[in-house]
Amino acid sequence: MSQGDLATALSVDRAYISNIENGRMNPTLSTLEKIAGALGISSSELLK
């Protein structure tokens, strides 16, 4: 899944996803849960 696809699924800007991915921003727990859901994995799997 691309950053753009993930951003669309979460209704956020692609730059926000990029900043999370590159360690420039720290997502909230709620956002982590939404990302995991969009990727079809558990939150714990996402954090591994």
PDB file of N, CA and C in Angstrom:
ATOM      1  N   MET A   1       0.856  -1.169   0.000  1.00  0.00           N
ATOM      2  CA  MET A   1       0.000   0.000   0.000  1.00  0.00           C
ATOM      3  C   MET A   1       0.906   1.238   0.000  1.00  0.00           C
ATOM      4  N   SER A   2       0.586   2.170  -0.856  1.00  0.00           N
ATOM      5  CA  SER A   2       1.393   3.386  -0.936  1.00  0.00           C
ATOM      6  C   SER A   2       0.992   4.366   0.173  1.00  0.00           C
ATOM      7  N   GLN A   3       1.838   5.351   0.386  1.00  0.00           N
ATOM      8  CA  GLN A   3       1.510   6.394   1.370  1.00  0.00           C
ATOM      9  C   GLN A   3       0.223   7.104   0.974  1.00  0.00           C
ATOM     10  N   GLY A   4       0.054   7.331  -0.315  1.00  0.00           N
ATOM     11  CA  GLY A   4      -1.160   7.994  -0.795  1.00  0.00           C
ATOM     12  C   GLY A   4      -2.405   7.166  -0.532  1.00  0.00           C
ATOM     13  N   ASP A   5      -2.303   5.855  -0.761  1.00  0.00           N
ATOM     14  CA  ASP A   5      -3.431   4.958  -0.492  1.00  0.00           C
ATOM     15  C   ASP A   5      -3.782   4.952   0.991  1.00  0.00           C
ATOM     16  N   LEU A   6      -2.763   4.883   1.825  1.00  0.00           N
ATOM     17  CA  LEU A   6      -2.978   4.874   3.269  1.00  0.00           C
ATOM     18  C   LEU A   6      -3.563   6.198   3.736  1.00  0.00           C
ATOM     19  N   ALA A   7      -3.045   7.291   3.228  1.00  0.00           N
ATOM     20  CA  ALA A   7      -3.554   8.612   3.582  1.00  0.00           C
ATOM     21  C   ALA A   7      -5.027   8.747   3.204  1.00  0.00           C
ATOM     22  N   THR A   8      -5.371   8.255   2.028  1.00  0.00           N
ATOM     23  CA  THR A   8      -6.765   8.306   1.585  1.00  0.00           C
ATOM     24  C   THR A   8      -7.644   7.473   2.497  1.00  0.00           C
ATOM     25  N   ALA A   9      -7.188   6.282   2.859  1.00  0.00           N
ATOM     26  CA  ALA A   9      -7.962   5.393   3.732  1.00  0.00           C
ATOM     27  C   ALA A   9      -8.197   6.016   5.104  1.00  0.00           C
ATOM     28  N   LEU A  10      -7.243   6.836   5.565  1.00  0.00           N
ATOM     29  CA  LEU A  10      -7.342   7.450   6.893  1.00  0.00           C
ATOM     30  C   LEU A  10      -7.881   8.871   6.845  1.00  0.00           C
ATOM     31  N   SER A  11      -8.105   9.386   5.649  1.00  0.00           N
ATOM     32  CA  SER A  11      -8.555  10.773   5.461  1.00  0.00           C
ATOM     33  C   SER A  11      -7.577  11.774   6.071  1.00  0.00           C
ATOM     34  N   VAL A  12      -6.291  11.548   5.801  1.00  0.00           N
ATOM     35  CA  VAL A  12      -5.240  12.472   6.238  1.00  0.00           C
ATOM     36  C   VAL A  12      -4.371  12.815   5.032  1.00  0.00           C
ATOM     37  N   ASP A  13      -3.513  13.788   5.191  1.00  0.00           N
ATOM     38  CA  ASP A  13      -2.614  14.193   4.125  1.00  0.00           C
ATOM     39  C   ASP A  13      -1.479  13.185   3.970  1.00  0.00           C
ATOM     40  N   ARG A  14      -1.038  12.952   2.737  1.00  0.00           N
ATOM     41  CA  ARG A  14       0.052  12.025   2.480  1.00  0.00           C
ATOM     42  C   ARG A  14       1.319  12.442   3.201  1.00  0.00           C
ATOM     43  N   ALA A  15       1.550  13.749   3.339  1.00  0.00           N
ATOM     44  CA  ALA A  15       2.741  14.240   4.036  1.00  0.00           C
ATOM     45  C   ALA A  15       2.735  13.806   5.508  1.00  0.00           C
ATOM     46  N   TYR A  16       1.562  13.718   6.109  1.00  0.00           N
ATOM     47  CA  TYR A  16       1.453  13.260   7.493  1.00  0.00           C
ATOM     48  C   TYR A  16       1.940  11.821   7.614  1.00  0.00           C
ATOM     49  N   ILE A  17       1.518  10.973   6.686  1.00  0.00           N
ATOM     50  CA  ILE A  17       1.964   9.582   6.681  1.00  0.00           C
ATOM     51  C   ILE A  17       3.467   9.520   6.463  1.00  0.00           C
ATOM     52  N   SER A  18       3.966  10.325   5.553  1.00  0.00           N
ATOM     53  CA  SER A  18       5.402  10.373   5.284  1.00  0.00           C
ATOM     54  C   SER A  18       6.171  10.786   6.532  1.00  0.00           C
ATOM     55  N   ASN A  19       5.682  11.785   7.229  1.00  0.00           N
ATOM     56  CA  ASN A  19       6.362  12.249   8.446  1.00  0.00           C
ATOM     57  C   ASN A  19       6.372  11.181   9.534  1.00  0.00           C
ATOM     58  N   ILE A  20       5.302  10.437   9.663  1.00  0.00           N
ATOM     59  CA  ILE A  20       5.273   9.320  10.625  1.00  0.00           C
ATOM     60  C   ILE A  20       6.298   8.273  10.217  1.00  0.00           C
ATOM     61  N   GLU A  21       6.276   7.910   8.947  1.00  0.00           N
ATOM     62  CA  GLU A  21       7.167   6.868   8.445  1.00  0.00           C
ATOM     63  C   GLU A  21       8.643   7.237   8.619  1.00  0.00           C
ATOM     64  N   ASN A  22       8.940   8.517   8.481  1.00  0.00           N
ATOM     65  CA  ASN A  22      10.327   8.979   8.573  1.00  0.00           C
ATOM     66  C   ASN A  22      10.731   9.430   9.976  1.00  0.00           C
ATOM     67  N   GLY A  23       9.855   9.233  10.960  1.00  0.00           N
ATOM     68  CA  GLY A  23      10.184   9.540  12.340  1.00  0.00           C
ATOM     69  C   GLY A  23      10.145  11.013  12.698  1.00  0.00           C
ATOM     70  N   ARG A  24       9.535  11.831  11.844  1.00  0.00           N
ATOM     71  CA  ARG A  24       9.451  13.264  12.133  1.00  0.00           C
ATOM     72  C   ARG A  24       8.231  13.613  12.977  1.00  0.00           C
ATOM     73  N   MET A  25       7.268  12.694  13.021  1.00  0.00           N
ATOM     74  CA  MET A  25       6.061  12.884  13.830  1.00  0.00           C
ATOM     75  C   MET A  25       5.759  11.595  14.561  1.00  0.00           C
ATOM     76  N   ASN A  26       5.145  11.720  15.706  1.00  0.00           N
ATOM     77  CA  ASN A  26       4.716  10.562  16.478  1.00  0.00           C
ATOM     78  C   ASN A  26       3.197  10.483  16.430  1.00  0.00           C
ATOM     79  N   PRO A  27       2.654   9.407  15.870  1.00  0.00           N
ATOM     80  CA  PRO A  27       1.199   9.279  15.791  1.00  0.00           C
ATOM     81  C   PRO A  27       0.596   8.963  17.153  1.00  0.00           C
ATOM     82  N   THR A  28      -0.659   9.332  17.320  1.00  0.00           N
ATOM     83  CA  THR A  28      -1.374   8.971  18.541  1.00  0.00           C
ATOM     84  C   THR A  28      -1.709   7.484  18.492  1.00  0.00           C
ATOM     85  N   LEU A  29      -2.088   6.946  19.616  1.00  0.00           N
ATOM     86  CA  LEU A  29      -2.497   5.546  19.680  1.00  0.00           C
ATOM     87  C   LEU A  29      -3.697   5.309  18.770  1.00  0.00           C
ATOM     88  N   SER A  30      -4.597   6.257  18.745  1.00  0.00           N
ATOM     89  CA  SER A  30      -5.769   6.160  17.878  1.00  0.00           C
ATOM     90  C   SER A  30      -5.358   6.072  16.406  1.00  0.00           C
ATOM     91  N   THR A  31      -4.396   6.886  16.011  1.00  0.00           N
ATOM     92  CA  THR A  31      -3.917   6.866  14.629  1.00  0.00           C
ATOM     93  C   THR A  31      -3.227   5.546  14.324  1.00  0.00           C
ATOM     94  N   LEU A  32      -2.446   5.029  15.261  1.00  0.00           N
ATOM     95  CA  LEU A  32      -1.795   3.733  15.065  1.00  0.00           C
ATOM     96  C   LEU A  32      -2.833   2.629  14.853  1.00  0.00           C
ATOM     97  N   GLU A  33      -3.909   2.681  15.609  1.00  0.00           N
ATOM     98  CA  GLU A  33      -4.965   1.686  15.460  1.00  0.00           C
ATOM     99  C   GLU A  33      -5.624   1.797  14.087  1.00  0.00           C
ATOM    100  N   LYS A  34      -5.827   3.016  13.617  1.00  0.00           N
ATOM    101  CA  LYS A  34      -6.419   3.228  12.292  1.00  0.00           C
ATOM    102  C   LYS A  34      -5.481   2.740  11.188  1.00  0.00           C
ATOM    103  N   ILE A  35      -4.187   3.002  11.340  1.00  0.00           N
ATOM    104  CA  ILE A  35      -3.206   2.537  10.354  1.00  0.00           C
ATOM    105  C   ILE A  35      -3.207   1.014  10.308  1.00  0.00           C
ATOM    106  N   ALA A  36      -3.178   0.383  11.469  1.00  0.00           N
ATOM    107  CA  ALA A  36      -3.188  -1.077  11.531  1.00  0.00           C
ATOM    108  C   ALA A  36      -4.445  -1.630  10.869  1.00  0.00           C
ATOM    109  N   GLY A  37      -5.582  -1.020  11.150  1.00  0.00           N
ATOM    110  CA  GLY A  37      -6.831  -1.464  10.546  1.00  0.00           C
ATOM    111  C   GLY A  37      -6.811  -1.344   9.028  1.00  0.00           C
ATOM    112  N   ALA A  38      -6.275  -0.229   8.534  1.00  0.00           N
ATOM    113  CA  ALA A  38      -6.195  -0.011   7.086  1.00  0.00           C
ATOM    114  C   ALA A  38      -5.263  -1.022   6.428  1.00  0.00           C
ATOM    115  N   LEU A  39      -4.246  -1.450   7.156  1.00  0.00           N
ATOM    116  CA  LEU A  39      -3.295  -2.423   6.621  1.00  0.00           C
ATOM    117  C   LEU A  39      -3.753  -3.869   6.842  1.00  0.00           C
ATOM    118  N   GLY A  40      -4.823  -4.035   7.618  1.00  0.00           N
ATOM    119  CA  GLY A  40      -5.350  -5.376   7.874  1.00  0.00           C
ATOM    120  C   GLY A  40      -4.510  -6.186   8.842  1.00  0.00           C
ATOM    121  N   ILE A  41      -3.847  -5.506   9.770  1.00  0.00           N
ATOM    122  CA  ILE A  41      -3.045  -6.182  10.778  1.00  0.00           C
ATOM    123  C   ILE A  41      -3.405  -5.652  12.152  1.00  0.00           C
ATOM    124  N   SER A  42      -2.936  -6.327  13.198  1.00  0.00           N
ATOM    125  CA  SER A  42      -3.201  -5.872  14.555  1.00  0.00           C
ATOM    126  C   SER A  42      -2.253  -4.735  14.922  1.00  0.00           C
ATOM    127  N   SER A  43      -2.638  -3.958  15.916  1.00  0.00           N
ATOM    128  CA  SER A  43      -1.772  -2.871  16.384  1.00  0.00           C
ATOM    129  C   SER A  43      -0.446  -3.410  16.896  1.00  0.00           C
ATOM    130  N   SER A  44      -0.479  -4.554  17.568  1.00  0.00           N
ATOM    131  CA  SER A  44       0.760  -5.117  18.091  1.00  0.00           C
ATOM    132  C   SER A  44       1.683  -5.553  16.960  1.00  0.00           C
ATOM    133  N   GLU A  45       1.121  -6.069  15.873  1.00  0.00           N
ATOM    134  CA  GLU A  45       1.932  -6.456  14.717  1.00  0.00           C
ATOM    135  C   GLU A  45       2.557  -5.229  14.077  1.00  0.00           C
ATOM    136  N   LEU A  46       1.815  -4.138  14.019  1.00  0.00           N
ATOM    137  CA  LEU A  46       2.323  -2.897  13.446  1.00  0.00           C
ATOM    138  C   LEU A  46       3.523  -2.381  14.224  1.00  0.00           C
ATOM    139  N   LEU A  47       3.510  -2.565  15.538  1.00  0.00           N
ATOM    140  CA  LEU A  47       4.561  -2.029  16.393  1.00  0.00           C
ATOM    141  C   LEU A  47       5.792  -2.920  16.498  1.00  0.00           C
ATOM    142  N   LYS A  48       5.768  -4.085  15.890  1.00  0.00           N
ATOM    143  CA  LYS A  48       6.927  -4.980  15.944  1.00  0.00           C
ATOM    144  C   LYS A  48       8.064  -4.431  15.150  1.00  0.00           C
TER     145      LYS A  48
END
